[in-house]
Amino acid sequence: QFRTANKRVLDRLGELEAQIAGAGSASPLAIVAAEDVRATWQ
């Protein structure tokens, strides 16, 4: 039971770390490349 629970926690941790790493790599100004800036802003 511990191994099963620990695997789920570690898998989720990996997902969150990947999200954090991805969020830090994108420039906030990438919106200017959007075809419709106003719609993207929304």
Full PDB file with SEQRES, HELIX, SHEET, SSBOND, CRYST1, ORIGX, SCALE, CONECT and MASTER records, all heavy atoms in Angstrom:
SEQRES   1 A   42  GLN PHE ARG THR ALA ASN LYS ARG VAL LEU ASP ARG LEU          
SEQRES   2 A   42  GLY GLU LEU GLU ALA GLN ILE ALA GLY ALA GLY SER ALA          
SEQRES   3 A   42  SER PRO LEU ALA ILE VAL ALA ALA GLU ASP VAL ARG ALA          
SEQRES   4 A   42  THR TRP GLN                                                  
HELIX    1 AA1 PHE A    2  SER A   25  1                                  24    
HELIX    2 AA2 PRO A   28  ALA A   33  5                                   6    
HELIX    3 AA3 VAL A   37  TRP A   41  1                                   5    
CRYST1    1.000    1.000    1.000  90.00  90.00  90.00 P 1           1          
ORIGX1      1.000000  0.000000  0.000000        0.00000                         
ORIGX2      0.000000  1.000000  0.000000        0.00000                         
ORIGX3      0.000000  0.000000  1.000000        0.00000                         
SCALE1      1.000000  0.000000  0.000000        0.00000                         
SCALE2      0.000000  1.000000  0.000000        0.00000                         
SCALE3      0.000000  0.000000  1.000000        0.00000                         
ATOM      1  N   GLN A   1       0.839  -1.205   0.000  1.00  0.00           N  
ATOM      2  CA  GLN A   1       0.000   0.000   0.000  1.00  0.00           C  
ATOM      3  C   GLN A   1       0.871   1.251   0.000  1.00  0.00           C  
ATOM      4  O   GLN A   1       0.583   2.226  -0.694  1.00  0.00           O  
ATOM      5  CB  GLN A   1      -0.921   0.004   1.222  1.00  0.00           C  
ATOM      6  CG  GLN A   1      -2.047  -1.002   1.156  1.00  0.00           C  
ATOM      7  CD  GLN A   1      -2.802  -1.095   2.471  1.00  0.00           C  
ATOM      8  OE1 GLN A   1      -2.228  -0.964   3.556  1.00  0.00           O  
ATOM      9  NE2 GLN A   1      -4.109  -1.337   2.377  1.00  0.00           N  
ATOM     10  N   PHE A   2       1.941   1.207   0.790  1.00  0.00           N  
ATOM     11  CA  PHE A   2       2.851   2.357   0.827  1.00  0.00           C  
ATOM     12  C   PHE A   2       3.503   2.575  -0.532  1.00  0.00           C  
ATOM     13  O   PHE A   2       3.573   3.698  -1.018  1.00  0.00           O  
ATOM     14  CB  PHE A   2       3.931   2.157   1.897  1.00  0.00           C  
ATOM     15  CG  PHE A   2       4.964   3.239   1.876  1.00  0.00           C  
ATOM     16  CD1 PHE A   2       4.705   4.476   2.441  1.00  0.00           C  
ATOM     17  CD2 PHE A   2       6.192   3.040   1.248  1.00  0.00           C  
ATOM     18  CE1 PHE A   2       5.643   5.496   2.392  1.00  0.00           C  
ATOM     19  CE2 PHE A   2       7.132   4.048   1.196  1.00  0.00           C  
ATOM     20  CZ  PHE A   2       6.858   5.272   1.773  1.00  0.00           C  
ATOM     21  N   ARG A   3       3.966   1.505  -1.153  1.00  0.00           N  
ATOM     22  CA  ARG A   3       4.608   1.631  -2.464  1.00  0.00           C  
ATOM     23  C   ARG A   3       3.637   2.200  -3.495  1.00  0.00           C  
ATOM     24  O   ARG A   3       4.012   3.047  -4.309  1.00  0.00           O  
ATOM     25  CB  ARG A   3       5.136   0.284  -2.924  1.00  0.00           C  
ATOM     26  CG  ARG A   3       6.380  -0.140  -2.200  1.00  0.00           C  
ATOM     27  CD  ARG A   3       6.918  -1.443  -2.747  1.00  0.00           C  
ATOM     28  NE  ARG A   3       8.147  -1.802  -2.049  1.00  0.00           N  
ATOM     29  CZ  ARG A   3       8.527  -3.027  -1.810  1.00  0.00           C  
ATOM     30  NH1 ARG A   3       7.808  -4.044  -2.229  1.00  0.00           N  
ATOM     31  NH2 ARG A   3       9.648  -3.264  -1.174  1.00  0.00           N  
ATOM     32  N   THR A   4       2.389   1.751  -3.469  1.00  0.00           N  
ATOM     33  CA  THR A   4       1.384   2.237  -4.411  1.00  0.00           C  
ATOM     34  C   THR A   4       1.121   3.724  -4.189  1.00  0.00           C  
ATOM     35  O   THR A   4       1.108   4.521  -5.136  1.00  0.00           O  
ATOM     36  CB  THR A   4       0.077   1.439  -4.276  1.00  0.00           C  
ATOM     37  OG1 THR A   4       0.359   0.057  -4.521  1.00  0.00           O  
ATOM     38  CG2 THR A   4      -0.985   1.937  -5.239  1.00  0.00           C  
ATOM     39  N   ALA A   5       0.910   4.108  -2.927  1.00  0.00           N  
ATOM     40  CA  ALA A   5       0.647   5.511  -2.598  1.00  0.00           C  
ATOM     41  C   ALA A   5       1.858   6.370  -2.931  1.00  0.00           C  
ATOM     42  O   ALA A   5       1.725   7.472  -3.482  1.00  0.00           O  
ATOM     43  CB  ALA A   5       0.279   5.640  -1.129  1.00  0.00           C  
ATOM     44  N   ASN A   6       3.042   5.879  -2.620  1.00  0.00           N  
ATOM     45  CA  ASN A   6       4.265   6.632  -2.878  1.00  0.00           C  
ATOM     46  C   ASN A   6       4.466   6.841  -4.380  1.00  0.00           C  
ATOM     47  O   ASN A   6       4.874   7.917  -4.815  1.00  0.00           O  
ATOM     48  CB  ASN A   6       5.458   5.893  -2.271  1.00  0.00           C  
ATOM     49  CG  ASN A   6       6.686   6.763  -2.207  1.00  0.00           C  
ATOM     50  OD1 ASN A   6       6.612   7.923  -1.829  1.00  0.00           O  
ATOM     51  ND2 ASN A   6       7.830   6.199  -2.583  1.00  0.00           N  
ATOM     52  N   LYS A   7       4.162   5.825  -5.181  1.00  0.00           N  
ATOM     53  CA  LYS A   7       4.291   5.956  -6.631  1.00  0.00           C  
ATOM     54  C   LYS A   7       3.353   7.026  -7.157  1.00  0.00           C  
ATOM     55  O   LYS A   7       3.735   7.850  -7.990  1.00  0.00           O  
ATOM     56  CB  LYS A   7       4.014   4.625  -7.327  1.00  0.00           C  
ATOM     57  CG  LYS A   7       4.186   4.707  -8.838  1.00  0.00           C  
ATOM     58  CD  LYS A   7       3.859   3.417  -9.512  1.00  0.00           C  
ATOM     59  CE  LYS A   7       4.007   3.453 -11.011  1.00  0.00           C  
ATOM     60  NZ  LYS A   7       3.757   4.681 -11.689  1.00  0.00           N  
ATOM     61  N   ARG A   8       2.112   7.052  -6.659  1.00  0.00           N  
ATOM     62  CA  ARG A   8       1.154   8.078  -7.103  1.00  0.00           C  
ATOM     63  C   ARG A   8       1.648   9.474  -6.739  1.00  0.00           C  
ATOM     64  O   ARG A   8       1.571  10.404  -7.552  1.00  0.00           O  
ATOM     65  CB  ARG A   8      -0.222   7.842  -6.472  1.00  0.00           C  
ATOM     66  CG  ARG A   8      -1.052   6.819  -7.186  1.00  0.00           C  
ATOM     67  CD  ARG A   8      -2.489   6.890  -6.739  1.00  0.00           C  
ATOM     68  NE  ARG A   8      -2.592   6.700  -5.298  1.00  0.00           N  
ATOM     69  CZ  ARG A   8      -3.269   5.731  -4.702  1.00  0.00           C  
ATOM     70  NH1 ARG A   8      -3.938   4.868  -5.410  1.00  0.00           N  
ATOM     71  NH2 ARG A   8      -3.300   5.644  -3.397  1.00  0.00           N  
ATOM     72  N   VAL A   9       2.153   9.623  -5.542  1.00  0.00           N  
ATOM     73  CA  VAL A   9       2.655  10.931  -5.100  1.00  0.00           C  
ATOM     74  C   VAL A   9       3.855  11.353  -5.951  1.00  0.00           C  
ATOM     75  O   VAL A   9       3.938  12.503  -6.395  1.00  0.00           O  
ATOM     76  CB  VAL A   9       3.021  10.898  -3.597  1.00  0.00           C  
ATOM     77  CG1 VAL A   9       3.798  12.137  -3.196  1.00  0.00           C  
ATOM     78  CG2 VAL A   9       1.772  10.752  -2.752  1.00  0.00           C  
ATOM     79  N   LEU A  10       4.776  10.438  -6.198  1.00  0.00           N  
ATOM     80  CA  LEU A  10       5.952  10.774  -6.999  1.00  0.00           C  
ATOM     81  C   LEU A  10       5.580  11.087  -8.449  1.00  0.00           C  
ATOM     82  O   LEU A  10       6.166  11.989  -9.061  1.00  0.00           O  
ATOM     83  CB  LEU A  10       6.979   9.644  -6.941  1.00  0.00           C  
ATOM     84  CG  LEU A  10       7.663   9.459  -5.577  1.00  0.00           C  
ATOM     85  CD1 LEU A  10       8.569   8.236  -5.596  1.00  0.00           C  
ATOM     86  CD2 LEU A  10       8.429  10.698  -5.163  1.00  0.00           C  
ATOM     87  N   ASP A  11       4.595  10.367  -9.008  1.00  0.00           N  
ATOM     88  CA  ASP A  11       4.132  10.662 -10.364  1.00  0.00           C  
ATOM     89  C   ASP A  11       3.533  12.060 -10.428  1.00  0.00           C  
ATOM     90  O   ASP A  11       3.808  12.837 -11.348  1.00  0.00           O  
ATOM     91  CB  ASP A  11       3.095   9.633 -10.825  1.00  0.00           C  
ATOM     92  CG  ASP A  11       3.704   8.270 -11.111  1.00  0.00           C  
ATOM     93  OD1 ASP A  11       4.942   8.169 -11.197  1.00  0.00           O  
ATOM     94  OD2 ASP A  11       2.924   7.296 -11.225  1.00  0.00           O  
ATOM     95  N   ARG A  12       2.708  12.393  -9.439  1.00  0.00           N  
ATOM     96  CA  ARG A  12       2.077  13.719  -9.406  1.00  0.00           C  
ATOM     97  C   ARG A  12       3.130  14.801  -9.230  1.00  0.00           C  
ATOM     98  O   ARG A  12       3.070  15.865  -9.845  1.00  0.00           O  
ATOM     99  CB  ARG A  12       1.034  13.788  -8.284  1.00  0.00           C  
ATOM    100  CG  ARG A  12       0.321  15.101  -8.184  1.00  0.00           C  
ATOM    101  CD  ARG A  12      -0.555  15.350  -9.400  1.00  0.00           C  
ATOM    102  NE  ARG A  12      -1.272  16.603  -9.228  1.00  0.00           N  
ATOM    103  CZ  ARG A  12      -1.424  17.502 -10.162  1.00  0.00           C  
ATOM    104  NH1 ARG A  12      -0.968  17.285 -11.372  1.00  0.00           N  
ATOM    105  NH2 ARG A  12      -2.064  18.618  -9.914  1.00  0.00           N  
ATOM    106  N   LEU A  13       4.106  14.547  -8.386  1.00  0.00           N  
ATOM    107  CA  LEU A  13       5.193  15.505  -8.180  1.00  0.00           C  
ATOM    108  C   LEU A  13       5.935  15.761  -9.484  1.00  0.00           C  
ATOM    109  O   LEU A  13       6.258  16.904  -9.818  1.00  0.00           O  
ATOM    110  CB  LEU A  13       6.153  14.990  -7.111  1.00  0.00           C  
ATOM    111  CG  LEU A  13       7.359  15.872  -6.792  1.00  0.00           C  
ATOM    112  CD1 LEU A  13       6.918  17.234  -6.274  1.00  0.00           C  
ATOM    113  CD2 LEU A  13       8.257  15.186  -5.778  1.00  0.00           C  
ATOM    114  N   GLY A  14       6.187  14.704 -10.250  1.00  0.00           N  
ATOM    115  CA  GLY A  14       6.845  14.858 -11.543  1.00  0.00           C  
ATOM    116  C   GLY A  14       6.029  15.711 -12.498  1.00  0.00           C  
ATOM    117  O   GLY A  14       6.570  16.557 -13.218  1.00  0.00           O  
ATOM    118  N   GLU A  15       4.704  15.506 -12.509  1.00  0.00           N  
ATOM    119  CA  GLU A  15       3.821  16.321 -13.361  1.00  0.00           C  
ATOM    120  C   GLU A  15       3.897  17.790 -12.970  1.00  0.00           C  
ATOM    121  O   GLU A  15       4.001  18.673 -13.830  1.00  0.00           O  
ATOM    122  CB  GLU A  15       2.377  15.842 -13.237  1.00  0.00           C  
ATOM    123  CG  GLU A  15       2.104  14.483 -13.830  1.00  0.00           C  
ATOM    124  CD  GLU A  15       0.708  13.976 -13.477  1.00  0.00           C  
ATOM    125  OE1 GLU A  15      -0.116  14.770 -12.961  1.00  0.00           O  
ATOM    126  OE2 GLU A  15       0.450  12.791 -13.716  1.00  0.00           O  
ATOM    127  N   LEU A  16       3.844  18.060 -11.663  1.00  0.00           N  
ATOM    128  CA  LEU A  16       3.883  19.448 -11.194  1.00  0.00           C  
ATOM    129  C   LEU A  16       5.223  20.100 -11.489  1.00  0.00           C  
ATOM    130  O   LEU A  16       5.284  21.271 -11.874  1.00  0.00           O  
ATOM    131  CB  LEU A  16       3.572  19.502  -9.698  1.00  0.00           C  
ATOM    132  CG  LEU A  16       2.150  19.117  -9.318  1.00  0.00           C  
ATOM    133  CD1 LEU A  16       1.999  19.047  -7.805  1.00  0.00           C  
ATOM    134  CD2 LEU A  16       1.143  20.084  -9.914  1.00  0.00           C  
ATOM    135  N   GLU A  17       6.302  19.365 -11.315  1.00  0.00           N  
ATOM    136  CA  GLU A  17       7.625  19.913 -11.624  1.00  0.00           C  
ATOM    137  C   GLU A  17       7.742  20.244 -13.105  1.00  0.00           C  
ATOM    138  O   GLU A  17       8.332  21.258 -13.480  1.00  0.00           O  
ATOM    139  CB  GLU A  17       8.717  18.939 -11.195  1.00  0.00           C  
ATOM    140  CG  GLU A  17       8.903  18.873  -9.689  1.00  0.00           C  
ATOM    141  CD  GLU A  17       9.894  17.813  -9.246  1.00  0.00           C  
ATOM    142  OE1 GLU A  17      10.166  16.861 -10.025  1.00  0.00           O  
ATOM    143  OE2 GLU A  17      10.391  17.921  -8.116  1.00  0.00           O  
ATOM    144  N   ALA A  18       7.161  19.405 -13.961  1.00  0.00           N  
ATOM    145  CA  ALA A  18       7.191  19.665 -15.400  1.00  0.00           C  
ATOM    146  C   ALA A  18       6.389  20.915 -15.739  1.00  0.00           C  
ATOM    147  O   ALA A  18       6.798  21.725 -16.580  1.00  0.00           O  
ATOM    148  CB  ALA A  18       6.644  18.462 -16.165  1.00  0.00           C  
ATOM    149  N   GLN A  19       5.246  21.093 -15.074  1.00  0.00           N  
ATOM    150  CA  GLN A  19       4.435  22.295 -15.298  1.00  0.00           C  
ATOM    151  C   GLN A  19       5.187  23.545 -14.874  1.00  0.00           C  
ATOM    152  O   GLN A  19       5.179  24.556 -15.574  1.00  0.00           O  
ATOM    153  CB  GLN A  19       3.114  22.218 -14.522  1.00  0.00           C  
ATOM    154  CG  GLN A  19       2.079  21.340 -15.145  1.00  0.00           C  
ATOM    155  CD  GLN A  19       0.795  21.327 -14.316  1.00  0.00           C  
ATOM    156  OE1 GLN A  19       0.804  21.564 -13.117  1.00  0.00           O  
ATOM    157  NE2 GLN A  19      -0.305  21.042 -14.980  1.00  0.00           N  
ATOM    158  N   ILE A  20       5.831  23.481 -13.729  1.00  0.00           N  
ATOM    159  CA  ILE A  20       6.585  24.634 -13.226  1.00  0.00           C  
ATOM    160  C   ILE A  20       7.739  24.963 -14.176  1.00  0.00           C  
ATOM    161  O   ILE A  20       7.969  26.124 -14.507  1.00  0.00           O  
ATOM    162  CB  ILE A  20       7.093  24.367 -11.795  1.00  0.00           C  
ATOM    163  CG1 ILE A  20       5.917  24.355 -10.823  1.00  0.00           C  
ATOM    164  CG2 ILE A  20       8.138  25.404 -11.378  1.00  0.00           C  
ATOM    165  CD1 ILE A  20       6.263  23.853  -9.437  1.00  0.00           C  
ATOM    166  N   ALA A  21       8.439  23.946 -14.632  1.00  0.00           N  
ATOM    167  CA  ALA A  21       9.559  24.171 -15.556  1.00  0.00           C  
ATOM    168  C   ALA A  21       9.054  24.777 -16.865  1.00  0.00           C  
ATOM    169  O   ALA A  21       9.674  25.688 -17.412  1.00  0.00           O  
ATOM    170  CB  ALA A  21      10.289  22.862 -15.820  1.00  0.00           C  
ATOM    171  N   GLY A  22       7.930  24.302 -17.353  1.00  0.00           N  
ATOM    172  CA  GLY A  22       7.365  24.834 -18.590  1.00  0.00           C  
ATOM    173  C   GLY A  22       6.887  26.254 -18.442  1.00  0.00           C  
ATOM    174  O   GLY A  22       7.023  27.073 -19.349  1.00  0.00           O  
ATOM    175  N   ALA A  23       6.331  26.579 -17.283  1.00  0.00           N  
ATOM    176  CA  ALA A  23       5.829  27.933 -17.058  1.00  0.00           C  
ATOM    177  C   ALA A  23       6.964  28.942 -17.016  1.00  0.00           C  
ATOM    178  O   ALA A  23       6.812  30.073 -17.461  1.00  0.00           O  
ATOM    179  CB  ALA A  23       5.029  27.986 -15.754  1.00  0.00           C  
ATOM    180  N   GLY A  24       8.098  28.533 -16.501  1.00  0.00           N  
ATOM    181  CA  GLY A  24       9.223  29.456 -16.403  1.00  0.00           C  
ATOM    182  C   GLY A  24       9.944  29.685 -17.717  1.00  0.00           C  
ATOM    183  O   GLY A  24      10.656  30.664 -17.869  1.00  0.00           O  
ATOM    184  N   SER A  25       9.739  28.811 -18.684  1.00  0.00           N  
ATOM    185  CA  SER A  25      10.490  28.937 -19.924  1.00  0.00           C  
ATOM    186  C   SER A  25       9.814  29.824 -20.962  1.00  0.00           C  
ATOM    187  O   SER A  25      10.450  30.279 -21.892  1.00  0.00           O  
ATOM    188  CB  SER A  25      10.730  27.545 -20.521  1.00  0.00           C  
ATOM    189  OG  SER A  25       9.502  26.961 -20.901  1.00  0.00           O  
ATOM    190  N   ALA A  26       8.518  30.055 -20.816  1.00  0.00           N  
ATOM    191  CA  ALA A  26       7.786  30.862 -21.795  1.00  0.00           C  
ATOM    192  C   ALA A  26       7.820  32.334 -21.393  1.00  0.00           C  
ATOM    193  O   ALA A  26       7.612  32.674 -20.233  1.00  0.00           O  
ATOM    194  CB  ALA A  26       6.346  30.380 -21.899  1.00  0.00           C  
ATOM    195  N   SER A  27       8.086  33.182 -22.350  1.00  0.00           N  
ATOM    196  CA  SER A  27       8.088  34.611 -22.089  1.00  0.00           C  
ATOM    197  C   SER A  27       6.658  35.102 -21.942  1.00  0.00           C  
ATOM    198  O   SER A  27       5.779  34.713 -22.713  1.00  0.00           O  
ATOM    199  CB  SER A  27       8.748  35.354 -23.245  1.00  0.00           C  
ATOM    200  OG  SER A  27       8.501  36.736 -23.145  1.00  0.00           O  
ATOM    201  N   PRO A  28       6.392  35.987 -20.985  1.00  0.00           N  
ATOM    202  CA  PRO A  28       5.042  36.524 -20.859  1.00  0.00           C  
ATOM    203  C   PRO A  28       4.645  37.349 -22.072  1.00  0.00           C  
ATOM    204  O   PRO A  28       3.470  37.567 -22.329  1.00  0.00           O  
ATOM    205  CB  PRO A  28       5.101  37.388 -19.592  1.00  0.00           C  
ATOM    206  CG  PRO A  28       6.537  37.641 -19.352  1.00  0.00           C  
ATOM    207  CD  PRO A  28       7.283  36.497 -19.967  1.00  0.00           C  
ATOM    208  N   LEU A  29       5.630  37.781 -22.851  1.00  0.00           N  
ATOM    209  CA  LEU A  29       5.340  38.609 -24.021  1.00  0.00           C  
ATOM    210  C   LEU A  29       5.049  37.792 -25.275  1.00  0.00           C  
ATOM    211  O   LEU A  29       4.873  38.358 -26.350  1.00  0.00           O  
ATOM    212  CB  LEU A  29       6.491  39.584 -24.261  1.00  0.00           C  
ATOM    213  CG  LEU A  29       6.761  40.545 -23.102  1.00  0.00           C  
ATOM    214  CD1 LEU A  29       7.902  41.472 -23.444  1.00  0.00           C  
ATOM    215  CD2 LEU A  29       5.524  41.318 -22.740  1.00  0.00           C  
ATOM    216  N   ALA A  30       4.969  36.479 -25.141  1.00  0.00           N  
ATOM    217  CA  ALA A  30       4.662  35.627 -26.290  1.00  0.00           C  
ATOM    218  C   ALA A  30       3.275  35.932 -26.852  1.00  0.00           C  
ATOM    219  O   ALA A  30       2.978  35.580 -27.991  1.00  0.00           O  
ATOM    220  CB  ALA A  30       4.758  34.161 -25.888  1.00  0.00           C  
ATOM    221  N   ILE A  31       2.454  36.628 -26.091  1.00  0.00           N  
ATOM    222  CA  ILE A  31       1.106  36.978 -26.541  1.00  0.00           C  
ATOM    223  C   ILE A  31       1.142  37.824 -27.814  1.00  0.00           C  
ATOM    224  O   ILE A  31       0.209  37.772 -28.619  1.00  0.00           O  
ATOM    225  CB  ILE A  31       0.311  37.692 -25.426  1.00  0.00           C  
ATOM    226  CG1 ILE A  31      -1.163  37.832 -25.817  1.00  0.00           C  
ATOM    227  CG2 ILE A  31       0.921  39.027 -25.085  1.00  0.00           C  
ATOM    228  CD1 ILE A  31      -2.060  38.363 -24.716  1.00  0.00           C  
ATOM    229  N   VAL A  32       2.196  38.582 -28.021  1.00  0.00           N  
ATOM    230  CA  VAL A  32       2.248  39.451 -29.208  1.00  0.00           C  
ATOM    231  C   VAL A  32       2.297  38.647 -30.501  1.00  0.00           C  
ATOM    232  O   VAL A  32       1.981  39.168 -31.563  1.00  0.00           O  
ATOM    233  CB  VAL A  32       3.430  40.454 -29.159  1.00  0.00           C  
ATOM    234  CG1 VAL A  32       3.314  41.382 -27.974  1.00  0.00           C  
ATOM    235  CG2 VAL A  32       4.755  39.724 -29.141  1.00  0.00           C  
ATOM    236  N   ALA A  33       2.673  37.379 -30.415  1.00  0.00           N  
ATOM    237  CA  ALA A  33       2.712  36.526 -31.597  1.00  0.00           C  
ATOM    238  C   ALA A  33       1.342  35.913 -31.900  1.00  0.00           C  
ATOM    239  O   ALA A  33       1.170  35.298 -32.947  1.00  0.00           O  
ATOM    240  CB  ALA A  33       3.737  35.418 -31.406  1.00  0.00           C  
ATOM    241  N   ALA A  34       0.384  36.115 -31.003  1.00  0.00           N  
ATOM    242  CA  ALA A  34      -0.945  35.535 -31.202  1.00  0.00           C  
ATOM    243  C   ALA A  34      -1.634  36.212 -32.389  1.00  0.00           C  
ATOM    244  O   ALA A  34      -1.451  37.407 -32.639  1.00  0.00           O  
ATOM    245  CB  ALA A  34      -1.790  35.697 -29.949  1.00  0.00           C  
ATOM    246  N   GLU A  35      -2.425  35.443 -33.099  1.00  0.00           N  
ATOM    247  CA  GLU A  35      -3.155  35.989 -34.245  1.00  0.00           C  
ATOM    248  C   GLU A  35      -4.186  37.022 -33.783  1.00  0.00           C  
ATOM    249  O   GLU A  35      -4.359  38.059 -34.407  1.00  0.00           O  
ATOM    250  CB  GLU A  35      -3.842  34.851 -35.000  1.00  0.00           C  
ATOM    251  CG  GLU A  35      -4.361  35.272 -36.351  1.00  0.00           C  
ATOM    252  CD  GLU A  35      -4.779  34.072 -37.177  1.00  0.00           C  
ATOM    253  OE1 GLU A  35      -3.994  33.123 -37.296  1.00  0.00           O  
ATOM    254  OE2 GLU A  35      -5.901  34.123 -37.701  1.00  0.00           O  
ATOM    255  N   ASP A  36      -4.862  36.718 -32.680  1.00  0.00           N  
ATOM    256  CA  ASP A  36      -5.860  37.635 -32.111  1.00  0.00           C  
ATOM    257  C   ASP A  36      -5.478  37.897 -30.659  1.00  0.00           C  
ATOM    258  O   ASP A  36      -5.825  37.133 -29.766  1.00  0.00           O  
ATOM    259  CB  ASP A  36      -7.256  37.027 -32.212  1.00  0.00           C  
ATOM    260  CG  ASP A  36      -8.362  37.981 -31.757  1.00  0.00           C  
ATOM    261  OD1 ASP A  36      -8.042  39.059 -31.199  1.00  0.00           O  
ATOM    262  OD2 ASP A  36      -9.542  37.648 -31.959  1.00  0.00           O  
ATOM    263  N   VAL A  37      -4.728  38.977 -30.434  1.00  0.00           N  
ATOM    264  CA  VAL A  37      -4.213  39.289 -29.104  1.00  0.00           C  
ATOM    265  C   VAL A  37      -5.348  39.487 -28.108  1.00  0.00           C  
ATOM    266  O   VAL A  37      -5.302  38.986 -26.984  1.00  0.00           O  
ATOM    267  CB  VAL A  37      -3.286  40.527 -29.141  1.00  0.00           C  
ATOM    268  CG1 VAL A  37      -2.858  40.938 -27.740  1.00  0.00           C  
ATOM    269  CG2 VAL A  37      -2.069  40.239 -30.012  1.00  0.00           C  
ATOM    270  N   ARG A  38      -6.385  40.196 -28.505  1.00  0.00           N  
ATOM    271  CA  ARG A  38      -7.509  40.460 -27.603  1.00  0.00           C  
ATOM    272  C   ARG A  38      -8.174  39.155 -27.153  1.00  0.00           C  
ATOM    273  O   ARG A  38      -8.448  38.963 -25.967  1.00  0.00           O  
ATOM    274  CB  ARG A  38      -8.535  41.372 -28.262  1.00  0.00           C  
ATOM    275  CG  ARG A  38      -9.653  41.800 -27.330  1.00  0.00           C  
ATOM    276  CD  ARG A  38     -10.631  42.732 -28.029  1.00  0.00           C  
ATOM    277  NE  ARG A  38      -9.956  43.905 -28.559  1.00  0.00           N  
ATOM    278  CZ  ARG A  38     -10.028  45.120 -28.032  1.00  0.00           C  
ATOM    279  NH1 ARG A  38     -10.780  45.336 -26.984  1.00  0.00           N  
ATOM    280  NH2 ARG A  38      -9.375  46.119 -28.568  1.00  0.00           N  
ATOM    281  N   ALA A  39      -8.405  38.246 -28.063  1.00  0.00           N  
ATOM    282  CA  ALA A  39      -9.035  36.966 -27.724  1.00  0.00           C  
ATOM    283  C   ALA A  39      -8.113  36.137 -26.839  1.00  0.00           C  
ATOM    284  O   ALA A  39      -8.563  35.490 -25.885  1.00  0.00           O  
ATOM    285  CB  ALA A  39      -9.395  36.200 -28.986  1.00  0.00           C  
ATOM    286  N   THR A  40      -6.818  36.175 -27.142  1.00  0.00           N  
ATOM    287  CA  THR A  40      -5.858  35.427 -26.334  1.00  0.00           C  
ATOM    288  C   THR A  40      -5.803  35.986 -24.919  1.00  0.00           C  
ATOM    289  O   THR A  40      -5.761  35.236 -23.949  1.00  0.00           O  
ATOM    290  CB  THR A  40      -4.456  35.475 -26.978  1.00  0.00           C  
ATOM    291  OG1 THR A  40      -4.549  34.954 -28.301  1.00  0.00           O  
ATOM    292  CG2 THR A  40      -3.453  34.671 -26.188  1.00  0.00           C  
ATOM    293  N   TRP A  41      -5.817  37.310 -24.792  1.00  0.00           N  
ATOM    294  CA  TRP A  41      -5.812  37.955 -23.482  1.00  0.00           C  
ATOM    295  C   TRP A  41      -6.983  37.470 -22.629  1.00  0.00           C  
ATOM    296  O   TRP A  41      -6.838  37.216 -21.445  1.00  0.00           O  
ATOM    297  CB  TRP A  41      -5.860  39.468 -23.651  1.00  0.00           C  
ATOM    298  CG  TRP A  41      -5.915  40.239 -22.366  1.00  0.00           C  
ATOM    299  CD1 TRP A  41      -7.024  40.715 -21.743  1.00  0.00           C  
ATOM    300  CD2 TRP A  41      -4.804  40.624 -21.543  1.00  0.00           C  
ATOM    301  NE1 TRP A  41      -6.671  41.380 -20.590  1.00  0.00           N  
ATOM    302  CE2 TRP A  41      -5.311  41.332 -20.440  1.00  0.00           C  
ATOM    303  CE3 TRP A  41      -3.431  40.429 -21.642  1.00  0.00           C  
ATOM    304  CZ2 TRP A  41      -4.502  41.838 -19.442  1.00  0.00           C  
ATOM    305  CZ3 TRP A  41      -2.619  40.948 -20.650  1.00  0.00           C  
ATOM    306  CH2 TRP A  41      -3.159  41.645 -19.564  1.00  0.00           C  
ATOM    307  N   GLN A  42      -8.133  37.326 -23.244  1.00  0.00           N  
ATOM    308  CA  GLN A  42      -9.329  36.890 -22.514  1.00  0.00           C  
ATOM    309  C   GLN A  42      -9.181  35.481 -21.946  1.00  0.00           C  
ATOM    310  O   GLN A  42      -9.822  35.144 -20.956  1.00  0.00           O  
ATOM    311  CB  GLN A  42     -10.566  36.955 -23.421  1.00  0.00           C  
ATOM    312  CG  GLN A  42     -10.936  38.347 -23.886  1.00  0.00           C  
ATOM    313  CD  GLN A  42     -11.238  39.296 -22.736  1.00  0.00           C  
ATOM    314  OE1 GLN A  42     -11.886  38.930 -21.769  1.00  0.00           O  
ATOM    315  NE2 GLN A  42     -10.737  40.514 -22.837  1.00  0.00           N  
TER     316      GLN A  42                                                      
MASTER        0    0    0    3    0    0    0    6  315    1    0    4          
END                                                                             
